[in-house]
Protein backbone atom coordinates (compact mmCIF):
# COMPACT_ATOMS: atom_id res chain seq x y z
CA MET A 1 -4.91 1.61 15.83
CA VAL A 2 -4.09 -2.11 15.39
CA ALA A 3 -2.15 -3.77 12.94
CA THR A 4 -0.41 -7.16 12.89
CA LEU A 5 3.42 -5.98 12.25
CA PRO A 6 4.63 -2.75 12.96
CA VAL A 7 5.93 -2.16 9.74
CA THR A 8 2.01 -1.37 8.94
CA LEU A 9 1.61 1.32 11.18
CA ARG A 10 5.01 2.90 10.55
CA THR A 11 4.66 2.95 6.77
CA PHE A 12 0.92 3.86 6.52
CA CYS A 13 -0.34 5.29 9.75
CA ALA A 14 2.35 7.80 11.21
CA ALA A 15 1.25 10.59 9.13
CA GLN A 16 -2.28 10.06 10.23
CA ALA A 17 -1.43 9.81 13.53
CA GLU A 18 0.61 12.80 13.94
CA ARG A 19 -2.26 14.61 12.26
CA LEU A 20 -4.76 13.40 14.59
CA LEU A 21 -2.57 14.22 17.53
CA ALA A 22 -2.41 17.87 16.22
CA ASP A 23 -5.97 18.11 16.28
CA GLY A 24 -6.21 17.18 19.96
CA TRP A 25 -6.89 13.25 19.75
CA ARG A 26 -5.22 10.82 21.80
CA VAL A 27 -3.65 7.91 19.64
CA THR A 28 -2.35 4.33 20.77
CA TRP A 29 -0.88 1.68 18.59
CA ALA A 30 -1.14 -2.13 19.04
CA CYS A 31 0.87 -4.56 17.00
CA ALA A 32 3.99 -6.83 17.44
CA ASP A 33 7.01 -5.85 19.09
CA ASP A 34 10.21 -5.84 16.55
CA GLY A 35 12.33 -4.42 18.90
CA ARG A 36 12.40 -1.08 17.33
CA ILE A 37 8.52 -0.06 17.33
CA GLY A 38 8.60 1.03 21.19
CA ALA A 39 11.14 3.98 20.21
CA GLU A 40 9.92 4.62 16.64
CA VAL A 41 6.05 5.46 17.55
CA PRO A 42 5.52 9.24 16.78
CA SER A 43 5.93 11.60 19.87
CA CYS A 44 2.81 11.22 22.14
CA VAL A 45 1.64 8.08 20.54
CA ARG A 46 1.21 5.33 23.14
CA TYR A 47 2.07 1.67 22.20
CA ILE A 48 0.64 -1.49 23.60
CA PRO A 49 2.50 -4.78 22.23
CA ILE A 50 0.43 -7.45 21.03
CA PRO A 51 2.50 -10.62 20.02
CA PHE A 52 0.84 -11.11 16.86
CA LYS A 53 2.44 -13.45 14.42
CA ARG A 54 2.09 -13.90 10.48
CA GLY A 55 -0.45 -16.56 9.46
CA LEU A 56 -3.72 -17.13 10.75
CA SER A 57 -3.64 -19.86 13.38
CA PRO A 58 -6.65 -21.41 15.43
CA PHE A 59 -4.37 -21.12 18.40
CA GLN A 60 -3.19 -17.50 18.05
CA LEU A 61 -6.36 -16.02 17.16
CA PRO A 62 -8.46 -16.63 20.27
CA LEU A 63 -5.80 -15.25 22.55
CA ARG A 64 -5.10 -12.29 20.50
CA THR A 65 -8.66 -11.45 20.46
CA ALA A 66 -9.28 -12.13 24.14
CA GLN A 67 -6.22 -9.77 24.77
CA LEU A 68 -7.65 -7.13 22.61
CA HIS A 69 -11.12 -7.44 24.19
CA ARG A 70 -9.76 -6.76 27.74
CA LEU A 71 -7.65 -3.40 26.36
CA PHE A 72 -11.01 -2.33 24.54
CA ARG A 73 -13.12 -2.58 27.55
CA ARG A 74 -10.85 -1.35 29.88
CA GLU A 75 -9.86 1.63 27.43
CA ARG A 76 -13.07 2.40 25.98
CA PHE A 77 -11.92 3.82 23.04
CA ASP A 78 -14.03 5.80 20.82
CA ILE A 79 -12.85 4.51 17.62
CA VAL A 80 -10.79 1.25 17.07
CA GLN A 81 -9.40 0.98 13.34
CA TYR A 82 -7.44 -1.85 12.09
CA ALA A 83 -5.90 -3.08 8.76
CA THR A 84 -3.83 -6.32 7.81
CA PRO A 85 -5.44 -9.95 8.02
CA ASN A 86 -5.07 -10.87 11.77
CA ALA A 87 -5.32 -7.61 13.29
CA VAL A 88 -8.67 -7.25 11.53
CA LEU A 89 -9.98 -10.51 12.30
CA CYS A 90 -9.05 -10.06 16.06
CA ALA A 91 -9.63 -6.33 16.50
CA GLY A 92 -12.72 -6.54 14.67
CA THR A 93 -14.22 -9.25 16.70
CA ALA A 94 -12.99 -7.80 19.72
CA SER A 95 -14.16 -3.98 19.35
CA TRP A 96 -17.67 -5.95 18.40
CA LEU A 97 -17.75 -7.73 21.66
CA ALA A 98 -16.81 -4.66 23.53
CA ARG A 99 -19.14 -2.54 21.60
CA THR A 100 -16.66 0.05 20.91
CA PRO A 101 -18.82 2.87 18.85
CA VAL A 102 -16.61 3.17 15.77
CA ARG A 103 -15.30 0.00 14.57
CA LEU A 104 -13.29 1.01 11.43
CA TYR A 105 -11.71 -1.46 9.11
CA ASN A 106 -8.92 0.02 6.94
CA GLN A 107 -9.66 -2.34 4.15
CA TRP A 108 -6.13 -2.25 2.50
CA GLY A 109 -6.10 -5.33 0.53
CA ILE A 110 -8.49 -8.59 0.25
CA LEU A 111 -6.51 -11.83 1.27
CA TYR A 112 -8.99 -14.35 -0.20
CA VAL A 113 -8.72 -13.49 -3.81
CA TYR A 114 -5.21 -15.20 -3.85
CA PHE A 115 -6.70 -18.50 -3.12
CA ASN A 116 -8.64 -21.21 -4.65
CA GLY A 117 -11.33 -24.10 -3.61
CA MET A 118 -11.69 -24.40 0.18
CA THR A 119 -8.89 -21.93 1.34
CA ARG A 120 -10.72 -19.22 -0.92
CA TRP A 121 -14.25 -19.98 1.07
CA LEU A 122 -12.22 -20.07 4.42
CA TYR A 123 -10.49 -16.60 3.88
CA LYS A 124 -13.66 -15.18 2.45
CA THR A 125 -15.74 -16.15 5.66
CA TYR A 126 -13.30 -14.51 7.79
CA GLU A 127 -13.47 -11.28 5.27
CA ARG A 128 -17.30 -11.37 5.66
CA TRP A 129 -17.11 -11.52 9.48
CA SER A 130 -14.47 -8.97 9.83
CA CYS A 131 -16.80 -6.79 7.65
CA TYR A 132 -19.84 -7.45 9.71
CA CYS A 133 -17.99 -6.64 12.75
CA SER A 134 -17.10 -3.23 11.49
CA THR A 135 -19.13 -0.05 11.54
CA VAL A 136 -17.59 1.11 8.79
CA VAL A 137 -15.39 -0.42 6.12
CA GLN A 138 -12.65 2.00 4.14
CA PRO A 139 -11.15 0.34 1.13
CA ASP A 140 -8.20 2.38 -0.16
CA SER A 141 -9.60 2.42 -3.77
CA LEU A 142 -12.64 2.74 -5.52
CA SER A 143 -12.32 -0.34 -7.81
CA ASN A 144 -11.95 -2.34 -4.20
CA LEU A 145 -15.15 -0.83 -3.28
CA GLU A 146 -16.92 -1.54 -6.14
CA PHE A 147 -15.59 -5.02 -5.93
CA CYS A 148 -16.37 -5.74 -2.42
CA VAL A 149 -19.88 -4.33 -3.02
CA LYS A 150 -20.20 -6.84 -5.90
CA GLU A 151 -18.75 -9.98 -3.95
CA GLY A 152 -21.32 -9.12 -1.10
CA LEU A 153 -18.71 -8.54 1.69
CA TYR A 154 -20.81 -5.29 2.82
CA PRO A 155 -23.79 -3.42 1.48
CA LYS A 156 -22.87 -0.37 -0.52
CA GLY A 157 -23.58 2.34 2.48
CA LYS A 158 -21.10 0.63 4.72
CA GLY A 159 -18.24 1.16 2.99
CA TYR A 160 -16.53 4.35 1.36
CA VAL A 161 -13.46 5.86 0.30
CA VAL A 162 -11.71 9.21 1.82
CA TRP A 163 -11.35 11.53 -1.19
CA ASN A 164 -9.38 9.49 -4.12
CA GLY A 165 -8.29 6.44 -2.04
CA SER A 166 -4.69 5.20 -0.96
CA ALA A 167 -3.79 4.51 2.56
CA ARG A 168 -1.41 7.61 3.15
CA GLY A 169 -1.12 9.64 0.02
CA VAL A 170 1.95 11.03 -1.33
CA ASP A 171 4.36 13.25 0.85
CA LEU A 172 5.29 15.56 -1.57
CA LYS A 173 8.04 16.95 0.24
CA THR A 174 9.77 13.64 0.42
CA PHE A 175 8.84 12.78 -3.05
CA ASN A 176 10.36 16.07 -4.36
CA PHE A 177 10.37 16.31 -7.94
CA SER A 178 12.23 19.39 -7.85
CA ARG A 179 15.09 17.35 -6.68
CA LYS A 180 15.00 14.64 -9.24
CA ALA A 181 17.68 15.71 -11.72
CA ALA A 182 20.25 16.02 -8.99
CA TRP A 183 19.07 12.59 -7.30
CA ARG A 184 19.20 10.72 -10.80
CA LEU A 185 22.86 11.81 -11.49
CA GLU A 186 24.09 10.73 -8.03
CA TYR A 187 22.27 7.45 -7.23
CA ARG A 188 22.67 6.43 -10.93
CA LYS A 189 26.48 6.74 -10.11
CA ARG A 190 26.13 4.71 -6.82
CA MET A 191 24.71 2.27 -8.88
CA GLY A 192 26.95 2.12 -11.88
CA LEU A 193 24.26 3.00 -14.38
CA GLU A 194 25.47 5.35 -17.31
CA PRO A 195 23.20 8.33 -18.33
CA HIS A 196 22.17 6.33 -21.55
CA HIS A 197 20.89 3.24 -19.50
CA LEU A 198 17.24 2.94 -19.76
CA VAL A 199 16.02 1.78 -16.45
CA ILE A 200 12.75 -0.42 -15.50
CA GLY A 201 12.02 0.21 -11.89
CA PHE A 202 10.02 -2.20 -9.30
CA VAL A 203 9.50 -1.31 -5.79
CA GLY A 204 7.94 -3.91 -3.49
CA SER A 205 8.35 -7.36 -2.27
CA ILE A 206 9.95 -9.66 -4.78
CA ARG A 207 7.41 -12.51 -5.05
CA ARG A 208 5.10 -14.25 -7.52
CA GLU A 209 1.89 -12.39 -6.15
CA LYS A 210 3.53 -9.13 -7.11
CA GLY A 211 3.65 -10.16 -10.87
CA CYS A 212 7.61 -10.52 -10.53
CA ASN A 213 7.47 -13.87 -12.71
CA GLU A 214 5.87 -11.79 -15.62
CA LEU A 215 8.15 -8.97 -15.21
CA LEU A 216 11.17 -10.90 -15.35
CA ALA A 217 9.72 -12.94 -18.14
CA ALA A 218 9.06 -9.89 -20.00
CA CYS A 219 12.42 -8.26 -19.55
CA ARG A 220 14.49 -11.52 -20.26
CA GLY A 221 12.47 -11.64 -23.35
CA PHE A 222 13.62 -8.28 -25.02
CA PHE A 223 16.60 -7.20 -22.96
CA GLY A 224 19.26 -9.17 -25.10
CA ASP A 225 18.29 -6.92 -28.29
CA MET A 226 18.38 -3.85 -25.76
CA PRO A 227 21.71 -3.74 -24.20
CA SER A 228 21.24 -0.23 -22.84
CA ALA A 229 18.21 -1.69 -20.79
CA ARG A 230 18.26 -2.21 -17.13
CA LEU A 231 15.85 -3.69 -14.52
CA LEU A 232 15.99 -2.19 -11.08
CA LEU A 233 14.53 -4.16 -8.35
CA ILE A 234 14.21 -2.89 -4.76
CA GLY A 235 12.62 -4.64 -2.17
CA ASP A 236 12.72 -7.79 0.38
CA LYS A 237 13.76 -11.14 -0.75
CA ASP A 238 11.51 -12.93 1.84
CA TYR A 239 9.34 -14.41 -0.81
CA TYR A 240 11.76 -14.81 -3.56
CA GLY A 241 11.31 -18.38 -3.45
CA SER A 242 7.95 -18.05 -5.21
CA VAL A 243 9.41 -16.93 -8.58
CA ARG A 244 10.08 -19.40 -11.29
CA PRO A 245 13.97 -20.76 -10.67
CA ASP A 246 14.68 -20.14 -14.17
CA LEU A 247 13.49 -16.55 -13.90
CA ARG A 248 15.64 -15.99 -10.91
CA GLY A 249 18.31 -17.77 -12.22
CA TRP A 250 18.51 -15.06 -15.03
CA ALA A 251 17.89 -12.20 -12.50
CA ASP A 252 20.76 -13.11 -10.27
CA SER A 253 23.11 -13.86 -13.13
CA SER A 254 22.25 -11.08 -15.72
CA PRO A 255 24.42 -7.66 -15.59
CA GLN A 256 21.41 -6.00 -16.90
CA VAL A 257 19.41 -6.67 -13.50
CA LYS A 258 20.49 -4.36 -10.34
CA TYR A 259 18.98 -5.47 -6.86
CA VAL A 260 18.55 -2.98 -4.08
CA PRO A 261 17.26 -4.12 -0.75
CA PRO A 262 14.48 -2.36 1.31
CA ASN A 263 15.57 1.31 2.28
CA ALA A 264 14.58 4.68 3.18
CA GLU A 265 15.59 6.18 0.12
CA ILE A 266 13.04 5.05 -2.44
CA PRO A 267 12.36 8.79 -3.95
CA GLN A 268 16.07 8.96 -4.60
CA TYR A 269 15.98 5.52 -6.53
CA MET A 270 12.82 6.31 -8.41
CA ALA A 271 14.55 9.31 -9.62
CA CYS A 272 16.66 6.87 -11.60
CA MET A 273 13.79 5.16 -13.48
CA ASP A 274 12.66 5.95 -16.75
CA VAL A 275 9.71 3.93 -16.05
CA LEU A 276 7.95 1.82 -12.94
CA ALA A 277 6.45 -1.55 -13.49
CA LEU A 278 3.90 -2.94 -10.84
CA PRO A 279 2.25 -5.76 -12.58
CA SER A 280 0.70 -7.18 -9.31
CA TYR A 281 -2.24 -9.22 -8.52
CA GLN A 282 -1.91 -8.84 -4.87
CA GLU A 283 -2.46 -5.13 -4.10
CA GLY A 284 -5.14 -2.78 -2.20
CA PHE A 285 -3.87 -0.05 -4.05
CA GLY A 286 -0.36 0.62 -5.07
CA ALA A 287 1.63 3.40 -3.05
CA ALA A 288 4.52 2.79 -4.97
CA VAL A 289 2.77 3.83 -8.33
CA VAL A 290 1.60 7.27 -7.15
CA GLU A 291 4.95 7.81 -5.51
CA ALA A 292 6.82 7.26 -8.68
CA GLU A 293 4.39 9.20 -10.76
CA ALA A 294 4.97 12.07 -8.31
CA MET A 295 8.52 11.97 -9.34
CA GLY A 296 7.75 12.13 -13.04
CA VAL A 297 7.98 8.66 -13.52
CA PRO A 298 5.40 6.97 -16.06
CA VAL A 299 4.10 3.59 -14.71
CA VAL A 300 2.98 0.37 -16.02
CA VAL A 301 0.40 -1.50 -14.01
CA THR A 302 -2.03 -4.45 -14.48
CA GLU A 303 -5.60 -4.30 -14.64
CA TYR A 304 -6.67 -5.19 -11.22
CA PRO A 305 -8.68 -3.49 -8.55
CA GLY A 306 -6.34 -0.85 -6.74
CA PRO A 307 -3.58 -0.13 -9.01
CA VAL A 308 -5.71 0.79 -11.91
CA ASP A 309 -7.22 3.78 -9.63
CA ALA A 310 -3.58 4.96 -9.14
CA VAL A 311 -2.86 5.80 -12.98
CA ARG A 312 -4.76 7.09 -15.76
CA HIS A 313 -4.39 4.97 -18.98
CA LYS A 314 -2.39 6.45 -21.63
CA VAL A 315 -1.97 9.85 -19.64
CA THR A 316 0.38 8.83 -17.00
CA GLY A 317 1.07 5.37 -17.77
CA LEU A 318 -0.40 2.17 -18.90
CA ILE A 319 -2.49 -0.46 -17.98
CA VAL A 320 -2.12 -3.98 -19.04
CA PRO A 321 -3.97 -7.43 -18.46
CA MET A 322 -3.07 -9.36 -15.83
CA LYS A 323 -0.30 -12.31 -15.83
CA ASN A 324 0.44 -11.55 -19.29
CA ALA A 325 4.35 -11.13 -19.93
CA ALA A 326 3.91 -10.39 -23.62
CA ALA A 327 1.83 -7.47 -23.11
CA LEU A 328 3.89 -5.99 -20.33
CA ALA A 329 7.07 -6.52 -22.67
CA ALA A 330 5.33 -4.59 -25.33
CA ALA A 331 4.20 -1.84 -22.87
CA LEU A 332 7.60 -1.63 -21.22
CA ARG A 333 9.80 -1.61 -24.49
CA GLY A 334 7.32 0.51 -26.12
CA LEU A 335 8.05 3.39 -23.56
CA LEU A 336 11.77 2.85 -23.24
CA VAL A 337 12.37 3.45 -27.20
CA ASP A 338 10.21 6.45 -27.15
CA ASP A 339 11.78 9.35 -24.92
CA GLY A 340 8.98 12.04 -25.97
CA ARG A 341 6.01 9.72 -24.69
CA ARG A 342 7.80 9.16 -21.48
CA GLU A 343 8.46 12.77 -20.95
CA LYS A 344 4.67 13.73 -21.73
CA LEU A 345 3.52 10.82 -19.34
CA GLY A 346 5.83 11.93 -16.66
CA ALA A 347 4.62 15.50 -16.74
CA ALA A 348 1.03 14.60 -16.50
CA ALA A 349 1.80 12.14 -13.90
CA VAL A 350 3.40 14.78 -11.39
CA GLN A 351 0.27 17.06 -12.10
CA PHE A 352 -2.02 14.06 -11.54
CA VAL A 353 -0.74 13.17 -7.96
CA ARG A 354 -0.58 16.75 -6.91
CA GLU A 355 -4.05 17.17 -7.61
CA ASN A 356 -5.69 13.75 -6.24
CA PHE A 357 -3.13 12.25 -3.79
CA ASP A 358 -1.30 15.17 -1.81
CA GLN A 359 -0.39 13.56 1.82
CA GLN A 360 -1.41 16.89 3.50
CA GLU A 361 -4.95 17.17 1.75
CA LEU A 362 -5.71 13.44 2.43
CA MET A 363 -4.67 13.76 5.94
CA ARG A 364 -7.11 16.75 6.54
CA ARG A 365 -9.96 14.92 4.99
CA ILE A 366 -9.12 11.69 7.25
CA VAL A 367 -9.09 13.95 10.44
CA ALA A 368 -12.23 15.44 9.45
CA ASP A 369 -13.87 11.80 8.78
CA ARG A 370 -12.80 10.56 12.21
CA ASN A 371 -14.51 13.82 14.07
CA GLN A 372 -17.69 13.06 11.84
CA LEU A 373 -17.82 9.32 12.72
CA VAL A 374 -17.49 9.95 16.47
CA ALA A 375 -19.89 12.71 16.49
CA ARG A 376 -22.59 10.53 14.34
CA ALA A 377 -21.85 7.53 17.20
CA ARG A 378 -22.55 10.05 20.04
CA GLY A 379 -25.56 11.33 18.21
CA SER A 380 -24.47 15.02 17.88
CA ALA A 381 -23.74 17.30 15.10
CA PRO A 382 -20.15 17.04 13.50
CA MET A 383 -17.25 18.21 15.65
CA HIS A 384 -15.17 20.85 14.19
CA GLY A 385 -11.52 21.51 15.44
CA ALA A 386 -10.15 19.36 18.15
CA ALA A 387 -11.90 16.07 18.94
CA GLU A 388 -12.44 14.55 22.48
CA GLY A 389 -12.18 11.36 21.68
CA GLU A 390 -9.32 8.51 21.24
CA VAL A 391 -8.55 6.50 18.29
């Protein structure tokens, strides 16, 4: 499993690695070293540091590709799977050169869609090449699969989605709906929120591409007439400067906006929310959407490939046009003032996630998929039980 940064493997691949290990696989992680990853990999997972850096560099990419090529030729893995732009380009190329039998691209987002002109053409070329080098491409949503085939990134038969999509599903023991009432009381008190406050939540990097301009503009537009409304922002501010200065100024000074840095208590903070908003136009799937739904929180997302697969419109939440602050405001305000509708959507959301995104079921299907991929590469019948390969 190759990724640019450790956070990707820790967040999206730990459950998969543990399930594969239990099924008899040997698992290796390769990514940049943040000083903690060596001690945080799951037990029995081997870790190999690869000094990736963010950003596509004409100097970095050949060096990392050569380093991975040597690793793949030496270890002769049965599967190499990769996610995030730098790792995808380097590991895809290196595993293709090494003739790794199964080269699996975890397509958890498509970078070129955020650019225009020559930059878009260049990144789309990188994407086409990465898909070409891969023997199989697995987007994390059906809408992204449809988009990629329509864009000509790969033929229809080369890509497919495991079960209903998402990179990791939802751990229903962690996002435990039965604990919601207790968590809501405790964590609202911790943040100084009163029982009557109506809370819109956001979880993710606080930046322009996540729709934060539209979210802040929407809330600023109607919060003045709704003194009980609150906006809870949870996430890093690494790219906070991409948000409009006037909106940052309002968010930083308004008593109706609360900020919580990234943390490991997301289920508890989600229990405090009345609605979750993810008005993103940079998303592969939107893990926060199904996690909030698991906690009985209705959601509002934009009409964008990925998140639209994580919600059922007017059943578990609402879908609004992208980059439309007025439509977002209308949807959010409408839910805040209608307790009965929020309760109905939240109850349906819990059931929707349990039936479609349970992490245990997703991991079972992923392991079966990996066994089948190796069996096909070896020209044998699909394997059952423990696999003899490495990933």
